[in-house]
Amino acid sequence: MAKLGFFKSFGFGVGSALVAMAVYPLIASSAKPLMKSVIKGSLGLKDQMKQAYAESKEQFEDMVAEVKEEINEEKG
């Protein structure tokens, strides 16, 4: 009886592997465009974040320069 369970499980495992091998190319070919679009979106977001950071940094540096100028005017 134990041998029958083993063969049943083994057969199920082999069958699952065969189905996975048949289905994988279909899933992989449809997943590739999706992954590419996710990567494109991520790169676009990265560029937008870099630009926003650069603008924020520039505005902050301008404020620091203005404050330093005000301090110098008050002293001098």
PDB file of N, CA and C in Angstrom:
ATOM      1  N   MET A   1       0.810  -1.180   0.000  1.00  0.00           N
ATOM      2  CA  MET A   1       0.000   0.000   0.000  1.00  0.00           C
ATOM      3  C   MET A   1       0.863   1.257   0.000  1.00  0.00           C
ATOM      4  N   ALA A   2       1.975   1.251   0.742  1.00  0.00           N
ATOM      5  CA  ALA A   2       2.856   2.405   0.804  1.00  0.00           C
ATOM      6  C   ALA A   2       3.486   2.670  -0.555  1.00  0.00           C
ATOM      7  N   LYS A   3       3.795   1.612  -1.315  1.00  0.00           N
ATOM      8  CA  LYS A   3       4.379   1.793  -2.641  1.00  0.00           C
ATOM      9  C   LYS A   3       3.422   2.507  -3.576  1.00  0.00           C
ATOM     10  N   LEU A   4       2.126   2.223  -3.458  1.00  0.00           N
ATOM     11  CA  LEU A   4       1.137   2.865  -4.316  1.00  0.00           C
ATOM     12  C   LEU A   4       1.098   4.370  -4.059  1.00  0.00           C
ATOM     13  N   GLY A   5       1.185   4.771  -2.796  1.00  0.00           N
ATOM     14  CA  GLY A   5       1.212   6.198  -2.433  1.00  0.00           C
ATOM     15  C   GLY A   5       2.441   6.883  -2.997  1.00  0.00           C
ATOM     16  N   PHE A   6       3.579   6.187  -2.939  1.00  0.00           N
ATOM     17  CA  PHE A   6       4.809   6.749  -3.482  1.00  0.00           C
ATOM     18  C   PHE A   6       4.684   6.974  -4.975  1.00  0.00           C
ATOM     19  N   PHE A   7       4.193   5.968  -5.697  1.00  0.00           N
ATOM     20  CA  PHE A   7       4.072   6.095  -7.150  1.00  0.00           C
ATOM     21  C   PHE A   7       3.046   7.159  -7.537  1.00  0.00           C
ATOM     22  N   LYS A   8       2.015   7.262  -6.742  1.00  0.00           N
ATOM     23  CA  LYS A   8       1.000   8.279  -6.993  1.00  0.00           C
ATOM     24  C   LYS A   8       1.613   9.678  -6.812  1.00  0.00           C
ATOM     25  N   SER A   9       2.344   9.867  -5.732  1.00  0.00           N
ATOM     26  CA  SER A   9       2.999  11.146  -5.470  1.00  0.00           C
ATOM     27  C   SER A   9       4.067  11.439  -6.520  1.00  0.00           C
ATOM     28  N   PHE A  10       4.837  10.418  -6.867  1.00  0.00           N
ATOM     29  CA  PHE A  10       5.881  10.586  -7.879  1.00  0.00           C
ATOM     30  C   PHE A  10       5.255  10.975  -9.215  1.00  0.00           C
ATOM     31  N   GLY A  11       4.179  10.303  -9.571  1.00  0.00           N
ATOM     32  CA  GLY A  11       3.488  10.615 -10.825  1.00  0.00           C
ATOM     33  C   GLY A  11       2.937  12.027 -10.823  1.00  0.00           C
ATOM     34  N   PHE A  12       2.384  12.442  -9.695  1.00  0.00           N
ATOM     35  CA  PHE A  12       1.873  13.805  -9.582  1.00  0.00           C
ATOM     36  C   PHE A  12       3.008  14.817  -9.731  1.00  0.00           C
ATOM     37  N   GLY A  13       4.145  14.544  -9.112  1.00  0.00           N
ATOM     38  CA  GLY A  13       5.305  15.437  -9.214  1.00  0.00           C
ATOM     39  C   GLY A  13       5.821  15.536 -10.630  1.00  0.00           C
ATOM     40  N   VAL A  14       5.956  14.395 -11.307  1.00  0.00           N
ATOM     41  CA  VAL A  14       6.430  14.391 -12.698  1.00  0.00           C
ATOM     42  C   VAL A  14       5.431  15.117 -13.585  1.00  0.00           C
ATOM     43  N   GLY A  15       4.139  14.844 -13.384  1.00  0.00           N
ATOM     44  CA  GLY A  15       3.105  15.513 -14.170  1.00  0.00           C
ATOM     45  C   GLY A  15       3.123  17.014 -13.970  1.00  0.00           C
ATOM     46  N   SER A  16       3.301  17.438 -12.730  1.00  0.00           N
ATOM     47  CA  SER A  16       3.367  18.870 -12.433  1.00  0.00           C
ATOM     48  C   SER A  16       4.575  19.507 -13.105  1.00  0.00           C
ATOM     49  N   ALA A  17       5.696  18.805 -13.088  1.00  0.00           N
ATOM     50  CA  ALA A  17       6.909  19.323 -13.731  1.00  0.00           C
ATOM     51  C   ALA A  17       6.702  19.462 -15.239  1.00  0.00           C
ATOM     52  N   LEU A  18       6.060  18.488 -15.850  1.00  0.00           N
ATOM     53  CA  LEU A  18       5.802  18.555 -17.295  1.00  0.00           C
ATOM     54  C   LEU A  18       4.865  19.707 -17.641  1.00  0.00           C
ATOM     55  N   VAL A  19       3.831  19.885 -16.845  1.00  0.00           N
ATOM     56  CA  VAL A  19       2.911  21.000 -17.076  1.00  0.00           C
ATOM     57  C   VAL A  19       3.640  22.328 -16.899  1.00  0.00           C
ATOM     58  N   ALA A  20       4.460  22.426 -15.864  1.00  0.00           N
ATOM     59  CA  ALA A  20       5.210  23.659 -15.625  1.00  0.00           C
ATOM     60  C   ALA A  20       6.149  23.951 -16.786  1.00  0.00           C
ATOM     61  N   MET A  21       6.790  22.921 -17.323  1.00  0.00           N
ATOM     62  CA  MET A  21       7.705  23.125 -18.455  1.00  0.00           C
ATOM     63  C   MET A  21       6.939  23.583 -19.696  1.00  0.00           C
ATOM     64  N   ALA A  22       5.711  23.123 -19.849  1.00  0.00           N
ATOM     65  CA  ALA A  22       4.908  23.518 -21.007  1.00  0.00           C
ATOM     66  C   ALA A  22       4.350  24.931 -20.841  1.00  0.00           C
ATOM     67  N   VAL A  23       3.995  25.300 -19.625  1.00  0.00           N
ATOM     68  CA  VAL A  23       3.349  26.591 -19.374  1.00  0.00           C
ATOM     69  C   VAL A  23       4.375  27.709 -19.188  1.00  0.00           C
ATOM     70  N   TYR A  24       5.548  27.411 -18.683  1.00  0.00           N
ATOM     71  CA  TYR A  24       6.550  28.436 -18.383  1.00  0.00           C
ATOM     72  C   TYR A  24       6.849  29.349 -19.569  1.00  0.00           C
ATOM     73  N   PRO A  25       7.093  28.827 -20.776  1.00  0.00           N
ATOM     74  CA  PRO A  25       7.380  29.748 -21.887  1.00  0.00           C
ATOM     75  C   PRO A  25       6.225  30.722 -22.155  1.00  0.00           C
ATOM     76  N   LEU A  26       5.004  30.275 -21.995  1.00  0.00           N
ATOM     77  CA  LEU A  26       3.860  31.160 -22.201  1.00  0.00           C
ATOM     78  C   LEU A  26       3.833  32.267 -21.152  1.00  0.00           C
ATOM     79  N   ILE A  27       4.068  31.886 -19.911  1.00  0.00           N
ATOM     80  CA  ILE A  27       4.069  32.875 -18.829  1.00  0.00           C
ATOM     81  C   ILE A  27       5.259  33.826 -18.981  1.00  0.00           C
ATOM     82  N   ALA A  28       6.413  33.274 -19.310  1.00  0.00           N
ATOM     83  CA  ALA A  28       7.619  34.099 -19.445  1.00  0.00           C
ATOM     84  C   ALA A  28       7.459  35.100 -20.589  1.00  0.00           C
ATOM     85  N   SER A  29       6.884  34.663 -21.701  1.00  0.00           N
ATOM     86  CA  SER A  29       6.749  35.580 -22.839  1.00  0.00           C
ATOM     87  C   SER A  29       5.736  36.680 -22.549  1.00  0.00           C
ATOM     88  N   SER A  30       4.721  36.400 -21.752  1.00  0.00           N
ATOM     89  CA  SER A  30       3.755  37.445 -21.425  1.00  0.00           C
ATOM     90  C   SER A  30       4.247  38.312 -20.269  1.00  0.00           C
ATOM     91  N   ALA A  31       5.084  37.783 -19.418  1.00  0.00           N
ATOM     92  CA  ALA A  31       5.595  38.548 -18.281  1.00  0.00           C
ATOM     93  C   ALA A  31       6.694  39.517 -18.700  1.00  0.00           C
ATOM     94  N   LYS A  32       7.405  39.215 -19.755  1.00  0.00           N
ATOM     95  CA  LYS A  32       8.518  40.070 -20.181  1.00  0.00           C
ATOM     96  C   LYS A  32       8.054  41.486 -20.527  1.00  0.00           C
ATOM     97  N   PRO A  33       7.011  41.663 -21.343  1.00  0.00           N
ATOM     98  CA  PRO A  33       6.562  43.035 -21.616  1.00  0.00           C
ATOM     99  C   PRO A  33       6.096  43.761 -20.351  1.00  0.00           C
ATOM    100  N   LEU A  34       5.451  43.022 -19.455  1.00  0.00           N
ATOM    101  CA  LEU A  34       5.009  43.632 -18.206  1.00  0.00           C
ATOM    102  C   LEU A  34       6.208  44.110 -17.398  1.00  0.00           C
ATOM    103  N   MET A  35       7.216  43.274 -17.274  1.00  0.00           N
ATOM    104  CA  MET A  35       8.417  43.654 -16.525  1.00  0.00           C
ATOM    105  C   MET A  35       9.125  44.837 -17.174  1.00  0.00           C
ATOM    106  N   LYS A  36       9.168  44.843 -18.508  1.00  0.00           N
ATOM    107  CA  LYS A  36       9.804  45.962 -19.204  1.00  0.00           C
ATOM    108  C   LYS A  36       9.061  47.266 -18.927  1.00  0.00           C
ATOM    109  N   SER A  37       7.735  47.218 -18.905  1.00  0.00           N
ATOM    110  CA  SER A  37       6.981  48.439 -18.636  1.00  0.00           C
ATOM    111  C   SER A  37       7.175  48.890 -17.185  1.00  0.00           C
ATOM    112  N   VAL A  38       7.298  47.942 -16.268  1.00  0.00           N
ATOM    113  CA  VAL A  38       7.571  48.295 -14.870  1.00  0.00           C
ATOM    114  C   VAL A  38       8.939  48.959 -14.760  1.00  0.00           C
ATOM    115  N   ILE A  39       9.920  48.422 -15.456  1.00  0.00           N
ATOM    116  CA  ILE A  39      11.271  49.001 -15.425  1.00  0.00           C
ATOM    117  C   ILE A  39      11.266  50.387 -16.045  1.00  0.00           C
ATOM    118  N   LYS A  40      10.567  50.552 -17.175  1.00  0.00           N
ATOM    119  CA  LYS A  40      10.484  51.876 -17.813  1.00  0.00           C
ATOM    120  C   LYS A  40       9.851  52.887 -16.869  1.00  0.00           C
ATOM    121  N   GLY A  41       8.771  52.481 -16.217  1.00  0.00           N
ATOM    122  CA  GLY A  41       8.120  53.374 -15.260  1.00  0.00           C
ATOM    123  C   GLY A  41       9.033  53.734 -14.107  1.00  0.00           C
ATOM    124  N   SER A  42       9.775  52.761 -13.628  1.00  0.00           N
ATOM    125  CA  SER A  42      10.704  53.005 -12.520  1.00  0.00           C
ATOM    126  C   SER A  42      11.808  53.965 -12.924  1.00  0.00           C
ATOM    127  N   LEU A  43      12.318  53.789 -14.127  1.00  0.00           N
ATOM    128  CA  LEU A  43      13.374  54.697 -14.598  1.00  0.00           C
ATOM    129  C   LEU A  43      12.832  56.108 -14.774  1.00  0.00           C
ATOM    130  N   GLY A  44      11.605  56.215 -15.284  1.00  0.00           N
ATOM    131  CA  GLY A  44      10.982  57.531 -15.424  1.00  0.00           C
ATOM    132  C   GLY A  44      10.779  58.189 -14.072  1.00  0.00           C
ATOM    133  N   LEU A  45      10.320  57.412 -13.095  1.00  0.00           N
ATOM    134  CA  LEU A  45      10.133  57.934 -11.749  1.00  0.00           C
ATOM    135  C   LEU A  45      11.463  58.365 -11.147  1.00  0.00           C
ATOM    136  N   LYS A  46      12.509  57.578 -11.395  1.00  0.00           N
ATOM    137  CA  LYS A  46      13.842  57.912 -10.882  1.00  0.00           C
ATOM    138  C   LYS A  46      14.294  59.254 -11.446  1.00  0.00           C
ATOM    139  N   ASP A  47      14.063  59.468 -12.740  1.00  0.00           N
ATOM    140  CA  ASP A  47      14.454  60.736 -13.357  1.00  0.00           C
ATOM    141  C   ASP A  47      13.665  61.908 -12.772  1.00  0.00           C
ATOM    142  N   GLN A  48      12.359  61.691 -12.546  1.00  0.00           N
ATOM    143  CA  GLN A  48      11.543  62.747 -11.957  1.00  0.00           C
ATOM    144  C   GLN A  48      12.002  63.069 -10.542  1.00  0.00           C
ATOM    145  N   MET A  49      12.365  62.040  -9.787  1.00  0.00           N
ATOM    146  CA  MET A  49      12.832  62.267  -8.421  1.00  0.00           C
ATOM    147  C   MET A  49      14.165  63.007  -8.407  1.00  0.00           C
ATOM    148  N   LYS A  50      15.049  62.658  -9.339  1.00  0.00           N
ATOM    149  CA  LYS A  50      16.330  63.366  -9.432  1.00  0.00           C
ATOM    150  C   LYS A  50      16.103  64.840  -9.737  1.00  0.00           C
ATOM    151  N   GLN A  51      15.187  65.111 -10.655  1.00  0.00           N
ATOM    152  CA  GLN A  51      14.900  66.492 -11.029  1.00  0.00           C
ATOM    153  C   GLN A  51      14.290  67.256  -9.854  1.00  0.00           C
ATOM    154  N   ALA A  52      13.337  66.633  -9.162  1.00  0.00           N
ATOM    155  CA  ALA A  52      12.713  67.283  -8.008  1.00  0.00           C
ATOM    156  C   ALA A  52      13.747  67.550  -6.920  1.00  0.00           C
ATOM    157  N   TYR A  53      14.660  66.601  -6.699  1.00  0.00           N
ATOM    158  CA  TYR A  53      15.715  66.783  -5.693  1.00  0.00           C
ATOM    159  C   TYR A  53      16.622  67.945  -6.086  1.00  0.00           C
ATOM    160  N   ALA A  54      17.009  67.992  -7.346  1.00  0.00           N
ATOM    161  CA  ALA A  54      17.895  69.065  -7.806  1.00  0.00           C
ATOM    162  C   ALA A  54      17.230  70.427  -7.636  1.00  0.00           C
ATOM    163  N   GLU A  55      15.936  70.508  -7.964  1.00  0.00           N
ATOM    164  CA  GLU A  55      15.223  71.776  -7.809  1.00  0.00           C
ATOM    165  C   GLU A  55      15.104  72.175  -6.342  1.00  0.00           C
ATOM    166  N   SER A  56      14.790  71.207  -5.482  1.00  0.00           N
ATOM    167  CA  SER A  56      14.682  71.492  -4.047  1.00  0.00           C
ATOM    168  C   SER A  56      16.023  71.927  -3.476  1.00  0.00           C
ATOM    169  N   LYS A  57      17.073  71.246  -3.897  1.00  0.00           N
ATOM    170  CA  LYS A  57      18.409  71.590  -3.419  1.00  0.00           C
ATOM    171  C   LYS A  57      18.787  73.009  -3.849  1.00  0.00           C
ATOM    172  N   GLU A  58      18.463  73.343  -5.082  1.00  0.00           N
ATOM    173  CA  GLU A  58      18.780  74.684  -5.586  1.00  0.00           C
ATOM    174  C   GLU A  58      18.003  75.743  -4.808  1.00  0.00           C
ATOM    175  N   GLN A  59      16.723  75.498  -4.547  1.00  0.00           N
ATOM    176  CA  GLN A  59      15.921  76.453  -3.785  1.00  0.00           C
ATOM    177  C   GLN A  59      16.464  76.610  -2.366  1.00  0.00           C
ATOM    178  N   PHE A  60      16.861  75.500  -1.761  1.00  0.00           N
ATOM    179  CA  PHE A  60      17.406  75.565  -0.405  1.00  0.00           C
ATOM    180  C   PHE A  60      18.721  76.347  -0.396  1.00  0.00           C
ATOM    181  N   GLU A  61      19.580  76.081  -1.363  1.00  0.00           N
ATOM    182  CA  GLU A  61      20.858  76.801  -1.439  1.00  0.00           C
ATOM    183  C   GLU A  61      20.626  78.292  -1.669  1.00  0.00           C
ATOM    184  N   ASP A  62      19.605  78.635  -2.459  1.00  0.00           N
ATOM    185  CA  ASP A  62      19.278  80.045  -2.669  1.00  0.00           C
ATOM    186  C   ASP A  62      18.833  80.699  -1.363  1.00  0.00           C
ATOM    187  N   MET A  63      18.008  79.996  -0.584  1.00  0.00           N
ATOM    188  CA  MET A  63      17.568  80.543   0.698  1.00  0.00           C
ATOM    189  C   MET A  63      18.736  80.722   1.652  1.00  0.00           C
ATOM    190  N   VAL A  64      19.640  79.754   1.686  1.00  0.00           N
ATOM    191  CA  VAL A  64      20.814  79.857   2.556  1.00  0.00           C
ATOM    192  C   VAL A  64      21.649  81.074   2.144  1.00  0.00           C
ATOM    193  N   ALA A  65      21.823  81.259   0.845  1.00  0.00           N
ATOM    194  CA  ALA A  65      22.592  82.408   0.365  1.00  0.00           C
ATOM    195  C   ALA A  65      21.897  83.715   0.750  1.00  0.00           C
ATOM    196  N   GLU A  66      20.573  83.765   0.644  1.00  0.00           N
ATOM    197  CA  GLU A  66      19.841  84.973   1.030  1.00  0.00           C
ATOM    198  C   GLU A  66      19.999  85.267   2.517  1.00  0.00           C
ATOM    199  N   VAL A  67      19.905  84.226   3.338  1.00  0.00           N
ATOM    200  CA  VAL A  67      20.047  84.414   4.780  1.00  0.00           C
ATOM    201  C   VAL A  67      21.457  84.890   5.113  1.00  0.00           C
ATOM    202  N   LYS A  68      22.452  84.295   4.476  1.00  0.00           N
ATOM    203  CA  LYS A  68      23.836  84.737   4.725  1.00  0.00           C
ATOM    204  C   LYS A  68      24.009  86.196   4.321  1.00  0.00           C
ATOM    205  N   GLU A  69      23.403  86.582   3.218  1.00  0.00           N
ATOM    206  CA  GLU A  69      23.497  87.971   2.755  1.00  0.00           C
ATOM    207  C   GLU A  69      22.825  88.915   3.758  1.00  0.00           C
ATOM    208  N   GLU A  70      21.651  88.500   4.269  1.00  0.00           N
ATOM    209  CA  GLU A  70      20.953  89.322   5.274  1.00  0.00           C
ATOM    210  C   GLU A  70      21.793  89.462   6.531  1.00  0.00           C
ATOM    211  N   ILE A  71      22.427  88.369   6.956  1.00  0.00           N
ATOM    212  CA  ILE A  71      23.272  88.414   8.149  1.00  0.00           C
ATOM    213  C   ILE A  71      24.443  89.369   7.927  1.00  0.00           C
ATOM    214  N   ASN A  72      25.071  89.297   6.768  1.00  0.00           N
ATOM    215  CA  ASN A  72      26.198  90.180   6.456  1.00  0.00           C
ATOM    216  C   ASN A  72      25.756  91.646   6.422  1.00  0.00           C
ATOM    217  N   GLU A  73      24.551  91.916   5.888  1.00  0.00           N
ATOM    218  CA  GLU A  73      24.045  93.294   5.843  1.00  0.00           C
ATOM    219  C   GLU A  73      23.784  93.826   7.262  1.00  0.00           C
ATOM    220  N   GLU A  74      23.266  92.924   8.131  1.00  0.00           N
ATOM    221  CA  GLU A  74      23.000  93.340   9.514  1.00  0.00           C
ATOM    222  C   GLU A  74      24.297  93.631  10.256  1.00  0.00           C
ATOM    223  N   LYS A  75      25.335  92.868   9.976  1.00  0.00           N
ATOM    224  CA  LYS A  75      26.620  93.068  10.660  1.00  0.00           C
ATOM    225  C   LYS A  75      27.334  94.300  10.117  1.00  0.00           C
ATOM    226  N   GLY A  76      27.241  94.488   8.820  1.00  0.00           N
ATOM    227  CA  GLY A  76      28.090  95.488   8.191  1.00  0.00           C
ATOM    228  C   GLY A  76      27.435  96.782   8.022  1.00  0.00           C
TER     229      GLY A  76
END
